[in-house]
Amino acid sequence: KQQRYFSSSLSSSSPSSSLMSFNPINTINLLPYISELSLLTIQTLPEVEEVLSLIKDNKPISKRSMEGLERAKQIFQHVGTSEYESILFLQATCLSQLNQYNEVIQILSSLGQHHEGENSNDIFQFNNRALLCKLKWYSGKFEEGLEDAYILNEKAPAIITGNEYMTSLRQGCAMNASALHQLALINMEDGDIRILRKQNKRNNFNSEQEEPQKQLQDVMDIQEIQKMSSNILHNTYQRCKSMTSNNDDIMDYEISQCALACAASYSNQGIANLMGIMIQNKIAEFNHSSSSIGYKTPLDSAMNLWKKSLMILDDLDLELYSRRKTKHLNKRHNYVSNALKATVYCNMSWAILFSSSYTSDYNHTSSPSLKEDQLKKASEYSSLALKLCDGSIIEMGNEKKMDVSEADENIVLKPLMGRALGLVASCYSRAGSAVTSEGLLQSAMDVYKSDKDGNIPTQPCPLSTLDFRSSYFYYSSLCSQWDKREIDAKQNLERACNIDDSLSKNWRGKNAVYSGLWFFSTFDF
């Protein structure tokens, strides 16, 4: 009974199977911090059981359930330290789903300070800092988060657990954190937003930007960090597949976790390569005083990395299918695997449509020309992303015996639906199907609207907000192609600018390429 929660759950190779829950892109997972002993105690309250059910089913958090969790915290405050802190972990998980990052940072910071100097807390402190690092990235505190990432990279190799896969996962997590904070600090701007802000005399955003040559060098350095992360995770995944274990559940969990982290790392590496390509094209256009496509760098390096990510995910599907001994894991990994696949396909489509490698201008509002074969590829990739989201939502509805509209609220997949719909709509627009494009764009915008009655309104995740902003750019471009829709085009540009204003200062004005990143921490998968 005196056993601490972190010595129970974090010293083992995996958390309790009853607490396995995959994360959406923009939240954190604190369930593995709760020991079985604490779980048995806190679950005696129906309020706690309700919240755990919502989290495990990836459903939105209701006001009623958060109020119940607050009552549970007051009750366990006088029962035991482990139980009280377990309630705090649940609260932090719920708040992160609502994108209330600063509140979660306060909870985790206080817990980290409380456990400083205690025995056997190296793993807890590492995972706690990794979560803080992720939260600071989403809240726009890039310099603070980068300092945490440097500490993570120093600590990761020194933590000895006797488990190779967890050591490699920590190293990959630390490198990924460092790379994503550095990518954010490069501050690649969105050209449309810069123009709009100048026209409207809005300068309330982070306008500091390095020279392209310095940006390019920084991106190349980041690419090397991402390459190391991907290689470590890929090699560990291959070794995990060849190992045997007396506990098949744990072995499959390790295989799945390594593969999903590896796929996310390859996807992020592809974004870093794409950013380098975009900067190279910008330099080429300036040097040649021309927008000729002949000067453009092709997308091959980024595309190859995204294809590697997809290959890893397909291989994982086959690996788990061949084992078939952990059906609960096969079901659960499928949702986040599909979310990763959808993210990668969206990245591939966006790169073709807007990165400037195949067009004369990558601004959203100008509807740049695109060759037919490239438009066909972009359309194929965005359609695949949309089908993955739709298919998973229907499958989830069938599995949980819930209405499809209820399954549509699933927080793993919902943030990706808007991006996929917007990209499909952009493809239809360029193919000349304006009416179909408008209908898809309206559906995309509906995805970003407030949750159903009874759920707590979420603060906008910066990545989803960038996609929401892009949808209005796409809509403006579409309206500008029609007669007597000039006012609509102008209004949609103004809405895009207002959406950008809703971002925290350091996220304002950022290029939409950033929305393709996936910041993962130790227990996300």
Protein backbone atom coordinates (compact mmCIF):
# COMPACT_ATOMS: atom_id res chain seq x y z
CA LYS A 1 0.00 0.00 0.00
CA GLN A 2 2.96 2.31 0.49
CA GLN A 3 4.18 1.69 -3.05
CA ARG A 4 4.38 4.93 -5.01
CA TYR A 5 2.49 5.29 -8.28
CA PHE A 6 5.57 6.00 -10.36
CA SER A 7 7.50 3.02 -9.03
CA SER A 8 4.54 0.81 -9.93
CA SER A 9 3.57 1.96 -13.39
CA LEU A 10 6.67 3.63 -14.78
CA SER A 11 9.23 1.00 -13.85
CA SER A 12 7.36 -1.65 -15.84
CA SER A 13 7.69 -1.91 -19.59
CA SER A 14 4.10 -0.87 -20.15
CA PRO A 15 1.18 0.66 -18.24
CA SER A 16 -1.79 -1.36 -17.15
CA SER A 17 -3.81 -2.61 -20.12
CA SER A 18 -6.91 -1.16 -18.49
CA LEU A 19 -5.40 2.29 -18.85
CA MET A 20 -4.07 2.04 -22.41
CA SER A 21 -5.44 5.03 -24.30
CA PHE A 22 -4.00 6.66 -27.39
CA ASN A 23 -3.70 10.40 -27.72
CA PRO A 24 -4.91 12.78 -30.33
CA ILE A 25 -2.22 15.03 -31.71
CA ASN A 26 -2.64 17.95 -29.36
CA THR A 27 -3.15 16.39 -25.91
CA ILE A 28 -1.11 14.49 -23.36
CA ASN A 29 -1.64 11.09 -21.78
CA LEU A 30 -1.24 10.89 -18.00
CA LEU A 31 -3.13 7.65 -17.39
CA PRO A 32 0.05 5.53 -17.25
CA TYR A 33 1.16 7.52 -14.19
CA ILE A 34 -1.63 5.98 -12.14
CA SER A 35 -0.81 2.73 -10.34
CA GLU A 36 -3.24 -0.18 -10.16
CA LEU A 37 -3.58 0.33 -6.41
CA SER A 38 -4.54 4.00 -6.77
CA LEU A 39 -6.84 3.17 -9.65
CA LEU A 40 -8.79 0.66 -7.57
CA THR A 41 -9.28 3.28 -4.88
CA ILE A 42 -10.27 6.29 -7.00
CA GLN A 43 -12.60 4.23 -9.22
CA THR A 44 -14.85 3.67 -6.24
CA LEU A 45 -16.26 7.11 -7.03
CA PRO A 46 -18.68 7.12 -10.01
CA GLU A 47 -17.39 10.58 -10.98
CA VAL A 48 -13.93 9.14 -11.59
CA GLU A 49 -15.26 6.11 -13.45
CA GLU A 50 -17.19 8.42 -15.79
CA VAL A 51 -14.12 10.49 -16.63
CA LEU A 52 -11.96 7.41 -17.22
CA SER A 53 -14.58 6.06 -19.60
CA LEU A 54 -14.65 9.32 -21.59
CA ILE A 55 -10.86 9.42 -21.85
CA LYS A 56 -10.48 5.79 -22.88
CA ASP A 57 -13.20 6.20 -25.54
CA ASN A 58 -11.57 9.45 -26.76
CA LYS A 59 -14.82 11.34 -26.25
CA PRO A 60 -15.20 15.02 -25.32
CA ILE A 61 -15.14 15.99 -21.66
CA SER A 62 -18.45 17.32 -20.34
CA LYS A 63 -18.92 20.11 -17.83
CA ARG A 64 -20.67 17.68 -15.48
CA SER A 65 -17.75 15.24 -15.52
CA MET A 66 -15.20 17.98 -14.80
CA GLU A 67 -17.29 19.22 -11.87
CA GLY A 68 -17.44 15.64 -10.57
CA LEU A 69 -13.67 15.34 -10.86
CA GLU A 70 -13.25 18.50 -8.80
CA ARG A 71 -15.42 16.96 -6.06
CA ALA A 72 -13.31 13.80 -6.19
CA LYS A 73 -10.15 15.87 -5.75
CA GLN A 74 -11.56 17.48 -2.62
CA ILE A 75 -12.47 14.07 -1.22
CA PHE A 76 -9.09 12.41 -1.87
CA GLN A 77 -7.14 15.45 -0.71
CA HIS A 78 -7.59 14.08 2.80
CA VAL A 79 -7.26 10.36 1.98
CA GLY A 80 -3.81 9.73 0.53
CA THR A 81 -1.07 11.42 -1.49
CA SER A 82 -1.02 8.83 -4.27
CA GLU A 83 -4.78 8.94 -4.78
CA TYR A 84 -4.88 12.73 -4.68
CA GLU A 85 -2.13 13.01 -7.27
CA SER A 86 -3.88 10.43 -9.44
CA ILE A 87 -6.89 12.73 -9.52
CA LEU A 88 -4.58 15.58 -10.54
CA PHE A 89 -3.29 13.43 -13.41
CA LEU A 90 -6.87 12.89 -14.56
CA GLN A 91 -7.60 16.60 -14.32
CA ALA A 92 -4.49 17.45 -16.33
CA THR A 93 -5.44 14.91 -19.02
CA CYS A 94 -8.92 16.43 -19.31
CA LEU A 95 -7.61 20.00 -19.39
CA SER A 96 -5.16 19.07 -22.13
CA GLN A 97 -8.05 17.72 -24.21
CA LEU A 98 -9.61 21.17 -23.82
CA ASN A 99 -6.29 22.71 -24.96
CA GLN A 100 -5.97 24.63 -21.67
CA TYR A 101 -2.22 24.23 -21.81
CA ASN A 102 -1.19 26.80 -19.21
CA GLU A 103 -3.36 25.18 -16.54
CA VAL A 104 -1.82 21.77 -17.27
CA ILE A 105 1.68 23.26 -17.18
CA GLN A 106 0.96 24.56 -13.67
CA ILE A 107 -0.21 21.12 -12.46
CA LEU A 108 2.77 19.25 -13.93
CA SER A 109 5.28 21.85 -12.74
CA SER A 110 3.99 21.59 -9.17
CA LEU A 111 4.11 17.78 -9.30
CA GLY A 112 7.65 17.86 -10.69
CA GLN A 113 8.81 20.14 -7.87
CA HIS A 114 7.10 17.94 -5.29
CA HIS A 115 9.03 14.85 -6.41
CA GLU A 116 12.45 16.45 -6.74
CA GLY A 117 14.94 14.56 -4.57
CA GLU A 118 12.71 11.50 -4.06
CA ASN A 119 14.10 8.04 -4.77
CA SER A 120 13.49 6.28 -8.09
CA ASN A 121 12.02 9.37 -9.74
CA ASP A 122 14.40 9.80 -12.70
CA ILE A 123 11.86 8.27 -15.09
CA PHE A 124 9.01 10.31 -13.63
CA GLN A 125 11.00 13.55 -13.95
CA PHE A 126 11.96 12.74 -17.55
CA ASN A 127 8.39 11.96 -18.61
CA ASN A 128 7.07 14.95 -16.71
CA ARG A 129 9.55 17.27 -18.47
CA ALA A 130 8.71 15.68 -21.84
CA LEU A 131 5.04 16.48 -21.29
CA LEU A 132 5.86 20.04 -20.24
CA CYS A 133 8.01 20.38 -23.35
CA LYS A 134 5.08 19.35 -25.52
CA LEU A 135 2.63 21.66 -23.76
CA LYS A 136 4.99 24.63 -24.08
CA TRP A 137 5.23 24.01 -27.81
CA TYR A 138 1.45 24.15 -28.20
CA SER A 139 1.22 27.26 -26.04
CA GLY A 140 3.92 29.02 -28.12
CA LYS A 141 6.63 29.02 -25.45
CA PHE A 142 9.26 27.78 -27.87
CA GLU A 143 12.40 29.09 -26.18
CA GLU A 144 11.35 27.72 -22.78
CA GLY A 145 10.44 24.41 -24.37
CA LEU A 146 13.75 24.19 -26.21
CA GLU A 147 15.62 24.52 -22.90
CA ASP A 148 13.57 21.58 -21.58
CA ALA A 149 14.34 19.64 -24.77
CA TYR A 150 18.08 20.13 -24.28
CA ILE A 151 17.77 18.70 -20.76
CA LEU A 152 15.76 15.75 -22.10
CA ASN A 153 18.51 14.96 -24.62
CA GLU A 154 21.10 15.03 -21.82
CA LYS A 155 19.05 12.81 -19.50
CA ALA A 156 17.65 10.25 -21.98
CA PRO A 157 20.80 8.08 -22.44
CA ALA A 158 21.59 8.15 -18.70
CA ILE A 159 18.32 6.56 -17.52
CA ILE A 160 18.93 2.83 -17.18
CA THR A 161 15.81 0.68 -16.97
CA GLY A 162 17.03 -2.62 -18.39
CA ASN A 163 14.56 -2.11 -21.24
CA GLU A 164 16.12 -1.16 -24.58
CA TYR A 165 12.92 -0.10 -26.28
CA MET A 166 12.03 2.46 -23.58
CA THR A 167 15.54 3.92 -23.67
CA SER A 168 15.30 4.34 -27.45
CA LEU A 169 11.79 5.76 -27.16
CA ARG A 170 13.00 8.38 -24.70
CA GLN A 171 15.87 9.32 -27.01
CA GLY A 172 13.54 9.61 -30.00
CA CYS A 173 11.10 11.66 -27.93
CA ALA A 174 13.86 14.04 -26.78
CA MET A 175 15.26 14.54 -30.30
CA ASN A 176 11.80 15.10 -31.72
CA ALA A 177 11.07 17.70 -29.03
CA SER A 178 14.29 19.57 -29.81
CA ALA A 179 13.63 19.50 -33.57
CA LEU A 180 10.03 20.75 -33.34
CA HIS A 181 10.86 23.64 -31.01
CA GLN A 182 13.66 24.68 -33.34
CA LEU A 183 11.40 24.44 -36.39
CA ALA A 184 8.89 26.70 -34.64
CA LEU A 185 11.61 29.25 -33.82
CA ILE A 186 12.53 29.50 -37.52
CA ASN A 187 9.15 31.20 -37.88
CA MET A 188 8.41 30.48 -41.53
CA GLU A 189 5.65 32.94 -42.35
CA ASP A 190 2.46 32.59 -44.33
CA GLY A 191 2.65 34.99 -47.27
CA ASP A 192 -1.11 35.67 -47.35
CA ILE A 193 -1.23 36.66 -43.70
CA ARG A 194 1.74 39.04 -44.07
CA ILE A 195 0.05 40.77 -47.00
CA LEU A 196 -3.28 41.01 -45.20
CA ARG A 197 -1.72 42.43 -42.06
CA LYS A 198 0.08 45.10 -44.03
CA GLN A 199 -3.11 46.03 -45.86
CA ASN A 200 -5.12 46.17 -42.62
CA LYS A 201 -2.26 47.68 -40.60
CA ARG A 202 -2.29 44.77 -38.18
CA ASN A 203 1.17 44.16 -36.82
CA ASN A 204 0.34 42.39 -33.56
CA PHE A 205 2.26 39.20 -34.31
CA ASN A 206 5.78 37.86 -34.20
CA SER A 207 7.25 39.36 -37.39
CA GLU A 208 10.89 38.56 -36.63
CA GLN A 209 12.26 36.38 -39.40
CA GLU A 210 15.76 35.24 -40.25
CA GLU A 211 17.36 35.67 -43.65
CA PRO A 212 16.54 32.74 -45.98
CA GLN A 213 20.14 31.52 -46.06
CA LYS A 214 20.25 31.37 -42.24
CA GLN A 215 16.84 29.68 -42.20
CA LEU A 216 18.07 27.06 -44.65
CA GLN A 217 21.14 26.26 -42.56
CA ASP A 218 19.02 25.95 -39.43
CA VAL A 219 16.56 23.64 -41.17
CA MET A 220 19.39 21.44 -42.45
CA ASP A 221 20.70 21.09 -38.89
CA ILE A 222 17.19 20.16 -37.70
CA GLN A 223 16.90 17.58 -40.48
CA GLU A 224 19.94 15.80 -39.04
CA ILE A 225 18.33 15.69 -35.59
CA GLN A 226 15.14 14.24 -37.07
CA LYS A 227 17.15 11.73 -39.06
CA MET A 228 18.81 10.44 -35.88
CA SER A 229 15.43 10.19 -34.15
CA SER A 230 13.89 8.23 -37.03
CA ASN A 231 16.88 5.86 -37.31
CA ILE A 232 16.91 5.08 -33.58
CA LEU A 233 13.19 4.35 -33.49
CA HIS A 234 13.23 2.38 -36.74
CA ASN A 235 16.11 0.15 -35.61
CA THR A 236 14.44 -0.44 -32.24
CA TYR A 237 11.16 -1.36 -33.93
CA GLN A 238 12.93 -3.95 -36.08
CA ARG A 239 14.65 -5.45 -33.01
CA CYS A 240 11.37 -5.54 -31.05
CA LYS A 241 9.72 -7.56 -33.82
CA SER A 242 12.41 -10.23 -33.62
CA MET A 243 12.26 -10.56 -29.83
CA THR A 244 10.13 -12.96 -27.82
CA SER A 245 8.52 -12.44 -24.44
CA ASN A 246 6.61 -14.43 -21.86
CA ASN A 247 4.02 -11.66 -21.88
CA ASP A 248 2.60 -11.24 -25.38
CA ASP A 249 0.47 -8.26 -24.34
CA ILE A 250 3.55 -6.32 -23.25
CA MET A 251 5.53 -7.38 -26.32
CA ASP A 252 2.80 -6.24 -28.72
CA TYR A 253 2.47 -3.00 -26.79
CA GLU A 254 6.20 -2.33 -27.22
CA ILE A 255 6.10 -3.14 -30.92
CA SER A 256 3.11 -0.88 -31.48
CA GLN A 257 4.54 1.99 -29.46
CA CYS A 258 7.90 1.92 -31.28
CA ALA A 259 6.29 1.72 -34.72
CA LEU A 260 3.86 4.58 -34.12
CA ALA A 261 6.61 6.82 -32.70
CA CYS A 262 8.84 5.91 -35.65
CA ALA A 263 6.09 6.76 -38.16
CA ALA A 264 5.49 10.12 -36.45
CA SER A 265 9.23 10.84 -36.52
CA TYR A 266 9.47 10.09 -40.26
CA SER A 267 6.44 12.32 -40.88
CA ASN A 268 8.04 15.19 -38.95
CA GLN A 269 11.32 14.61 -40.78
CA GLY A 270 9.40 14.97 -44.03
CA ILE A 271 8.01 18.33 -42.87
CA ALA A 272 11.54 19.53 -42.01
CA ASN A 273 12.70 18.50 -45.49
CA LEU A 274 9.71 20.23 -47.06
CA MET A 275 10.51 23.45 -45.20
CA GLY A 276 14.06 23.27 -46.51
CA ILE A 277 12.74 22.80 -50.06
CA MET A 278 10.39 25.77 -49.69
CA ILE A 279 13.25 27.99 -48.48
CA GLN A 280 15.49 26.80 -51.34
CA ASN A 281 12.75 27.67 -53.84
CA LYS A 282 12.34 31.08 -52.27
CA ILE A 283 16.08 31.73 -52.63
CA ALA A 284 16.03 30.44 -56.22
CA GLU A 285 13.15 32.73 -57.17
CA PHE A 286 14.96 35.71 -55.71
CA ASN A 287 18.27 34.89 -57.39
CA HIS A 288 16.73 34.32 -60.81
CA SER A 289 14.12 37.08 -60.52
CA SER A 290 11.70 34.59 -61.98
CA SER A 291 9.01 32.17 -60.86
CA SER A 292 9.94 29.60 -63.49
CA ILE A 293 9.32 26.07 -62.25
CA GLY A 294 12.63 25.06 -63.80
CA TYR A 295 14.43 26.60 -60.84
CA LYS A 296 12.37 24.73 -58.24
CA THR A 297 13.64 21.93 -55.99
CA PRO A 298 11.50 18.78 -56.36
CA LEU A 299 9.69 17.21 -53.42
CA ASP A 300 11.34 13.79 -53.72
CA SER A 301 13.19 13.82 -50.39
CA ALA A 302 10.10 14.80 -48.39
CA MET A 303 7.85 12.40 -50.28
CA ASN A 304 10.23 9.49 -49.70
CA LEU A 305 10.21 10.12 -45.95
CA TRP A 306 6.41 10.22 -45.84
CA LYS A 307 6.29 6.98 -47.80
CA LYS A 308 8.62 5.44 -45.19
CA SER A 309 6.18 6.53 -42.50
CA LEU A 310 3.32 4.82 -44.33
CA MET A 311 5.41 1.68 -44.85
CA ILE A 312 6.09 1.45 -41.11
CA LEU A 313 2.37 1.77 -40.33
CA ASP A 314 1.41 -0.82 -42.93
CA ASP A 315 4.08 -3.16 -41.58
CA LEU A 316 2.72 -2.69 -38.06
CA ASP A 317 -0.77 -3.58 -39.24
CA LEU A 318 0.56 -6.83 -40.71
CA GLU A 319 2.68 -7.58 -37.64
CA LEU A 320 -0.20 -7.22 -35.20
CA TYR A 321 -2.57 -9.06 -37.50
CA SER A 322 -0.19 -12.00 -37.71
CA ARG A 323 0.04 -12.23 -33.92
CA ARG A 324 -3.68 -11.83 -33.17
CA LYS A 325 -3.13 -12.45 -29.46
CA THR A 326 -3.96 -8.96 -28.28
CA LYS A 327 -7.23 -8.05 -29.95
CA HIS A 328 -7.76 -5.04 -27.69
CA LEU A 329 -4.45 -3.59 -28.85
CA ASN A 330 -5.22 -4.33 -32.50
CA LYS A 331 -8.46 -2.37 -32.16
CA ARG A 332 -7.01 0.53 -30.25
CA HIS A 333 -3.83 1.04 -32.22
CA ASN A 334 -5.94 1.26 -35.37
CA TYR A 335 -7.37 4.68 -34.52
CA VAL A 336 -4.06 6.41 -33.94
CA SER A 337 -2.46 4.52 -36.85
CA ASN A 338 -5.18 5.84 -39.14
CA ALA A 339 -4.74 9.32 -37.69
CA LEU A 340 -1.02 9.16 -38.49
CA LYS A 341 -1.71 7.88 -42.00
CA ALA A 342 -4.24 10.66 -42.57
CA THR A 343 -1.70 13.23 -41.35
CA VAL A 344 0.93 11.90 -43.76
CA TYR A 345 -1.44 11.87 -46.73
CA CYS A 346 -2.51 15.43 -45.92
CA ASN A 347 1.16 16.46 -45.80
CA MET A 348 1.75 14.90 -49.23
CA SER A 349 -1.30 16.62 -50.73
CA TRP A 350 -0.49 20.00 -49.16
CA ALA A 351 3.12 19.82 -50.38
CA ILE A 352 1.99 19.37 -53.99
CA LEU A 353 -0.70 22.05 -53.81
CA PHE A 354 1.06 24.81 -51.89
CA SER A 355 4.80 24.25 -51.40
CA SER A 356 5.72 25.96 -54.74
CA SER A 357 7.74 23.05 -56.12
CA TYR A 358 5.17 22.42 -58.87
CA THR A 359 3.54 25.83 -59.02
CA SER A 360 4.50 29.38 -59.81
CA ASP A 361 3.16 30.73 -56.50
CA TYR A 362 2.28 28.96 -53.25
CA ASN A 363 -0.06 31.63 -51.82
CA HIS A 364 -3.49 30.17 -51.07
CA THR A 365 -5.39 33.12 -52.52
CA SER A 366 -3.88 33.03 -55.99
CA SER A 367 -4.93 29.46 -56.93
CA PRO A 368 -1.60 28.71 -58.62
CA SER A 369 -1.57 26.57 -61.73
CA LEU A 370 -0.76 22.89 -61.36
CA LYS A 371 -0.10 20.20 -63.93
CA GLU A 372 -2.84 17.61 -64.34
CA ASP A 373 -0.75 14.67 -63.13
CA GLN A 374 0.28 16.53 -59.98
CA LEU A 375 -3.30 17.62 -59.27
CA LYS A 376 -4.36 13.99 -59.65
CA LYS A 377 -1.78 12.92 -57.04
CA ALA A 378 -2.79 15.68 -54.63
CA SER A 379 -6.43 14.68 -55.02
CA GLU A 380 -5.62 11.01 -54.43
CA TYR A 381 -3.65 11.72 -51.24
CA SER A 382 -6.25 14.07 -49.74
CA SER A 383 -9.07 11.63 -50.59
CA LEU A 384 -7.19 8.80 -48.87
CA ALA A 385 -6.82 10.97 -45.76
CA LEU A 386 -10.53 11.73 -45.73
CA LYS A 387 -11.47 8.06 -46.20
CA LEU A 388 -9.24 7.05 -43.28
CA CYS A 389 -10.99 9.52 -40.98
CA ASP A 390 -14.47 8.56 -42.21
CA GLY A 391 -13.74 4.84 -42.04
CA SER A 392 -12.39 5.01 -38.51
CA ILE A 393 -15.36 7.04 -37.30
CA ILE A 394 -17.81 4.50 -38.77
CA GLU A 395 -15.80 1.58 -37.35
CA MET A 396 -15.72 3.22 -33.94
CA GLY A 397 -19.46 3.78 -34.06
CA ASN A 398 -20.04 0.11 -34.81
CA GLU A 399 -17.61 -1.11 -32.15
CA LYS A 400 -18.97 1.16 -29.42
CA LYS A 401 -22.58 0.69 -30.60
CA MET A 402 -22.97 4.44 -30.85
CA ASP A 403 -24.56 6.70 -33.42
CA VAL A 404 -22.16 7.86 -36.15
CA SER A 405 -22.74 11.48 -35.15
CA GLU A 406 -21.59 10.59 -31.63
CA ALA A 407 -18.54 8.75 -32.94
CA ASP A 408 -17.80 11.81 -35.09
CA GLU A 409 -16.96 13.67 -31.88
CA ASN A 410 -13.93 11.38 -31.39
CA ILE A 411 -11.07 13.69 -30.49
CA VAL A 412 -8.39 11.54 -32.14
CA LEU A 413 -9.80 11.96 -35.63
CA LYS A 414 -11.91 15.10 -35.53
CA PRO A 415 -8.99 17.60 -35.79
CA LEU A 416 -7.83 15.88 -38.99
CA MET A 417 -11.22 15.94 -40.73
CA GLY A 418 -11.16 19.68 -41.35
CA ARG A 419 -7.70 19.62 -42.88
CA ALA A 420 -8.54 16.69 -45.17
CA LEU A 421 -11.84 18.26 -46.27
CA GLY A 422 -10.12 21.56 -47.03
CA LEU A 423 -7.48 19.89 -49.17
CA VAL A 424 -10.04 17.80 -51.09
CA ALA A 425 -12.03 21.00 -51.67
CA SER A 426 -8.95 22.78 -52.97
CA CYS A 427 -8.36 19.95 -55.46
CA TYR A 428 -11.96 20.18 -56.72
CA SER A 429 -11.62 23.94 -57.04
CA ARG A 430 -8.53 23.64 -59.21
CA ALA A 431 -10.23 20.97 -61.30
CA GLY A 432 -13.07 23.41 -62.02
CA SER A 433 -15.74 21.85 -59.75
CA ALA A 434 -16.55 25.00 -57.83
CA VAL A 435 -19.93 23.94 -56.42
CA THR A 436 -18.57 20.68 -54.99
CA SER A 437 -15.59 22.57 -53.58
CA GLU A 438 -17.82 25.08 -51.79
CA GLY A 439 -19.87 22.33 -50.15
CA LEU A 440 -16.73 20.58 -48.90
CA LEU A 441 -15.31 23.83 -47.53
CA GLN A 442 -18.48 24.52 -45.60
CA SER A 443 -18.25 21.01 -44.13
CA ALA A 444 -14.61 21.67 -43.22
CA MET A 445 -15.55 24.84 -41.36
CA ASP A 446 -18.30 23.01 -39.46
CA VAL A 447 -15.67 20.63 -38.06
CA TYR A 448 -13.91 23.51 -36.31
CA LYS A 449 -17.03 24.91 -34.68
CA SER A 450 -17.86 24.52 -30.99
CA ASP A 451 -18.63 21.14 -29.50
CA LYS A 452 -22.15 19.96 -28.80
CA ASP A 453 -24.18 21.36 -25.91
CA GLY A 454 -23.05 19.99 -22.58
CA ASN A 455 -19.38 19.83 -23.54
CA ILE A 456 -16.85 22.39 -22.43
CA PRO A 457 -15.86 24.70 -25.32
CA THR A 458 -12.25 24.03 -26.18
CA GLN A 459 -9.62 26.65 -26.69
CA PRO A 460 -8.33 26.29 -30.25
CA CYS A 461 -5.38 23.99 -30.79
CA PRO A 462 -2.80 26.00 -32.81
CA LEU A 463 -2.47 23.31 -35.48
CA SER A 464 -6.24 23.05 -35.99
CA THR A 465 -6.45 26.84 -36.00
CA LEU A 466 -3.89 27.03 -38.80
CA ASP A 467 -6.05 24.58 -40.78
CA PHE A 468 -9.20 26.59 -39.97
CA ARG A 469 -7.45 29.72 -41.24
CA SER A 470 -6.44 27.87 -44.42
CA SER A 471 -10.06 26.85 -45.07
CA TYR A 472 -11.05 30.51 -45.29
CA PHE A 473 -8.14 31.20 -47.62
CA TYR A 474 -9.32 28.34 -49.85
CA TYR A 475 -12.87 29.72 -49.70
CA SER A 476 -11.71 33.22 -50.57
CA SER A 477 -9.78 31.88 -53.55
CA LEU A 478 -12.88 30.01 -54.73
CA CYS A 479 -15.16 33.04 -54.39
CA SER A 480 -12.70 35.24 -56.30
CA GLN A 481 -13.16 32.96 -59.33
CA TRP A 482 -16.92 33.63 -59.51
CA ASP A 483 -18.72 36.72 -60.75
CA LYS A 484 -20.31 38.88 -58.07
CA ARG A 485 -18.58 37.02 -55.23
CA GLU A 486 -15.84 39.62 -54.64
CA ILE A 487 -17.41 40.71 -51.35
CA ASP A 488 -17.51 37.09 -50.13
CA ALA A 489 -13.87 36.66 -51.11
CA LYS A 490 -12.90 39.75 -49.14
CA GLN A 491 -14.96 38.73 -46.10
CA ASN A 492 -13.33 35.28 -46.02
CA LEU A 493 -9.89 36.87 -46.07
CA GLU A 494 -10.90 39.04 -43.14
CA ARG A 495 -12.15 35.96 -41.27
CA ALA A 496 -8.86 34.23 -41.93
CA CYS A 497 -7.04 37.20 -40.42
CA ASN A 498 -9.34 37.18 -37.37
CA ILE A 499 -8.69 33.47 -36.86
CA ASP A 500 -4.96 34.15 -36.99
CA ASP A 501 -5.46 36.82 -34.30
CA SER A 502 -6.94 34.15 -32.01
CA LEU A 503 -3.60 32.31 -31.91
CA SER A 504 -1.04 32.97 -29.20
CA LYS A 505 1.49 35.58 -30.31
CA ASN A 506 4.25 33.18 -31.33
CA TRP A 507 1.88 31.06 -33.45
CA ARG A 508 0.38 34.01 -35.35
CA GLY A 509 1.36 34.34 -38.97
CA LYS A 510 2.98 30.92 -39.18
CA ASN A 511 2.93 29.05 -42.48
CA ALA A 512 0.32 26.28 -42.74
CA VAL A 513 3.14 23.76 -43.23
CA TYR A 514 3.45 23.63 -39.42
CA SER A 515 0.02 22.00 -39.08
CA GLY A 516 1.49 18.77 -40.45
CA LEU A 517 3.78 18.23 -37.43
CA TRP A 518 3.08 15.65 -34.72
CA PHE A 519 4.65 16.36 -31.32
CA PHE A 520 4.83 13.07 -29.44
CA SER A 521 5.92 12.38 -25.87
CA THR A 522 6.83 9.16 -24.09
CA PHE A 523 3.39 7.68 -23.41
CA ASP A 524 1.44 9.16 -26.33
CA PHE A 525 1.16 5.82 -28.08
